[in-house]
Each structure stands twice: as C-alpha cells, then as structure tokens.
Amino acid sequence: MSGFDAQSVDREFFAGTKRAALMAVGIGRPALDSHRPRGPQLDFGRDFSTI
C-alpha cells in the first residue's frame, strides 16, 4: 500500500543501512465478519480521460 509513513518505517527497521521502504504489504487473513460486497467499478468513459 502506498500512503504510509515511510520515514518512520525506515527509522524503525532500516536505521544505519542503505535500505528504504518502498511500500507496505499487509499479509494475513481477514476476520470472518470483515467481508463486504465489492464497491461499484468506475465507468471508464465518465471517470478517466486519455491524453
């Protein structure tokens, strides 16, 4: 996922190295009651433009 605090992850896990966080990946299984229906898909012609 993007949009996480990469500097904090770097400070916590990669201090003193040349490594840096690029993204965070959640690994695991969702809770049994956490599933919900898929949201509507965007309509390409309405929501996107091609340059």
N, C-alpha and C. Protein backbone atom coordinates (compact mmCIF):
# COMPACT_ATOMS: atom_id res chain seq x y z
N MET A 1 0.85 -1.16 0.00
CA MET A 1 0.00 0.00 0.00
C MET A 1 0.89 1.22 0.00
N SER A 2 0.41 2.25 -0.60
CA SER A 2 1.14 3.50 -0.54
C SER A 2 0.43 4.41 0.45
N GLY A 3 0.99 5.57 0.70
CA GLY A 3 0.37 6.49 1.62
C GLY A 3 0.67 6.18 3.08
N PHE A 4 1.75 5.47 3.34
CA PHE A 4 2.15 5.17 4.72
C PHE A 4 3.34 6.05 5.08
N ASP A 5 3.72 6.05 6.34
CA ASP A 5 4.81 6.89 6.82
C ASP A 5 6.14 6.17 6.60
N ALA A 6 6.69 6.28 5.39
CA ALA A 6 7.92 5.56 5.02
C ALA A 6 9.11 5.98 5.88
N GLN A 7 9.19 7.24 6.25
CA GLN A 7 10.31 7.70 7.08
C GLN A 7 10.33 7.01 8.43
N SER A 8 9.16 6.82 9.02
CA SER A 8 9.08 6.12 10.31
C SER A 8 9.46 4.65 10.16
N VAL A 9 9.02 4.03 9.08
CA VAL A 9 9.38 2.62 8.83
C VAL A 9 10.88 2.51 8.64
N ASP A 10 11.47 3.41 7.86
CA ASP A 10 12.92 3.40 7.65
C ASP A 10 13.66 3.58 8.97
N ARG A 11 13.21 4.50 9.78
CA ARG A 11 13.86 4.77 11.07
C ARG A 11 13.77 3.54 11.98
N GLU A 12 12.62 2.87 11.98
CA GLU A 12 12.41 1.72 12.87
C GLU A 12 13.13 0.47 12.41
N PHE A 13 13.12 0.19 11.11
CA PHE A 13 13.62 -1.09 10.60
C PHE A 13 14.94 -1.00 9.84
N PHE A 14 15.27 0.15 9.28
CA PHE A 14 16.43 0.23 8.39
C PHE A 14 17.47 1.25 8.83
N ALA A 15 17.43 1.68 10.09
CA ALA A 15 18.40 2.67 10.58
C ALA A 15 19.82 2.15 10.39
N GLY A 16 20.69 3.00 9.87
CA GLY A 16 22.09 2.63 9.69
C GLY A 16 22.36 1.78 8.47
N THR A 17 21.36 1.62 7.60
CA THR A 17 21.56 0.84 6.37
C THR A 17 21.26 1.72 5.17
N LYS A 18 21.52 1.20 3.98
CA LYS A 18 21.18 1.92 2.75
C LYS A 18 19.80 1.53 2.24
N ARG A 19 19.09 0.72 3.00
CA ARG A 19 17.75 0.27 2.59
C ARG A 19 16.69 1.30 2.95
N ALA A 20 15.60 1.29 2.17
CA ALA A 20 14.49 2.20 2.42
C ALA A 20 13.19 1.51 2.04
N ALA A 21 12.13 1.86 2.75
CA ALA A 21 10.82 1.28 2.48
C ALA A 21 10.25 1.86 1.19
N LEU A 22 9.67 1.02 0.36
CA LEU A 22 9.01 1.44 -0.86
C LEU A 22 7.49 1.33 -0.72
N MET A 23 7.04 0.25 -0.10
CA MET A 23 5.60 0.06 0.13
C MET A 23 5.42 -0.87 1.31
N ALA A 24 4.23 -0.85 1.86
CA ALA A 24 3.87 -1.77 2.93
C ALA A 24 2.85 -2.75 2.39
N VAL A 25 3.05 -4.02 2.69
CA VAL A 25 2.14 -5.06 2.20
C VAL A 25 1.53 -5.76 3.41
N GLY A 26 0.22 -5.76 3.48
CA GLY A 26 -0.47 -6.44 4.57
C GLY A 26 -0.61 -7.92 4.25
N ILE A 27 -0.14 -8.77 5.12
CA ILE A 27 -0.22 -10.22 4.93
C ILE A 27 -1.03 -10.81 6.07
N GLY A 28 -1.98 -11.62 5.75
CA GLY A 28 -2.80 -12.24 6.78
C GLY A 28 -4.16 -12.60 6.23
N ARG A 29 -5.05 -12.93 7.12
CA ARG A 29 -6.41 -13.30 6.74
C ARG A 29 -7.38 -12.32 7.38
N PRO A 30 -8.40 -11.93 6.65
CA PRO A 30 -9.40 -11.03 7.24
C PRO A 30 -10.26 -11.77 8.27
N ALA A 31 -10.81 -11.02 9.18
CA ALA A 31 -11.74 -11.60 10.15
C ALA A 31 -12.97 -12.12 9.41
N LEU A 32 -13.64 -13.10 9.97
CA LEU A 32 -14.79 -13.71 9.31
C LEU A 32 -15.90 -12.70 9.01
N ASP A 33 -16.08 -11.71 9.87
CA ASP A 33 -17.17 -10.75 9.67
C ASP A 33 -16.71 -9.47 8.96
N SER A 34 -15.50 -9.47 8.38
CA SER A 34 -14.99 -8.25 7.76
C SER A 34 -15.28 -8.14 6.27
N HIS A 35 -15.81 -9.19 5.68
CA HIS A 35 -16.09 -9.15 4.24
C HIS A 35 -17.32 -8.30 3.96
N ARG A 36 -17.25 -7.53 2.92
CA ARG A 36 -18.41 -6.74 2.49
C ARG A 36 -18.46 -6.78 0.98
N PRO A 37 -19.60 -6.47 0.39
CA PRO A 37 -19.72 -6.54 -1.07
C PRO A 37 -18.75 -5.59 -1.76
N ARG A 38 -18.33 -5.98 -2.94
CA ARG A 38 -17.43 -5.15 -3.73
C ARG A 38 -18.13 -3.86 -4.11
N GLY A 39 -17.40 -2.76 -4.04
CA GLY A 39 -17.95 -1.46 -4.43
C GLY A 39 -18.11 -1.38 -5.93
N PRO A 40 -18.85 -0.39 -6.40
CA PRO A 40 -19.05 -0.23 -7.85
C PRO A 40 -17.75 0.13 -8.55
N GLN A 41 -17.58 -0.36 -9.77
CA GLN A 41 -16.40 -0.02 -10.56
C GLN A 41 -16.61 1.33 -11.23
N LEU A 42 -15.51 2.03 -11.45
CA LEU A 42 -15.58 3.31 -12.14
C LEU A 42 -15.94 3.09 -13.61
N ASP A 43 -16.68 4.00 -14.16
CA ASP A 43 -17.01 3.96 -15.58
C ASP A 43 -15.88 4.63 -16.34
N PHE A 44 -15.19 3.89 -17.21
CA PHE A 44 -14.01 4.43 -17.88
C PHE A 44 -14.31 5.69 -18.65
N GLY A 45 -15.37 5.67 -19.44
CA GLY A 45 -15.70 6.84 -20.26
C GLY A 45 -16.05 8.07 -19.44
N ARG A 46 -16.60 7.91 -18.27
CA ARG A 46 -17.00 9.03 -17.44
C ARG A 46 -15.90 9.49 -16.49
N ASP A 47 -15.11 8.55 -15.96
CA ASP A 47 -14.18 8.87 -14.87
C ASP A 47 -12.71 8.97 -15.29
N PHE A 48 -12.37 8.66 -16.51
CA PHE A 48 -10.99 8.72 -16.97
C PHE A 48 -10.91 9.53 -18.25
N SER A 49 -9.75 10.08 -18.49
CA SER A 49 -9.52 10.74 -19.78
C SER A 49 -8.20 10.26 -20.33
N THR A 50 -8.13 10.17 -21.63
CA THR A 50 -6.91 9.73 -22.32
C THR A 50 -6.28 10.95 -22.97
N ILE A 51 -5.00 11.11 -22.72
CA ILE A 51 -4.28 12.26 -23.29
C ILE A 51 -3.48 11.81 -24.49
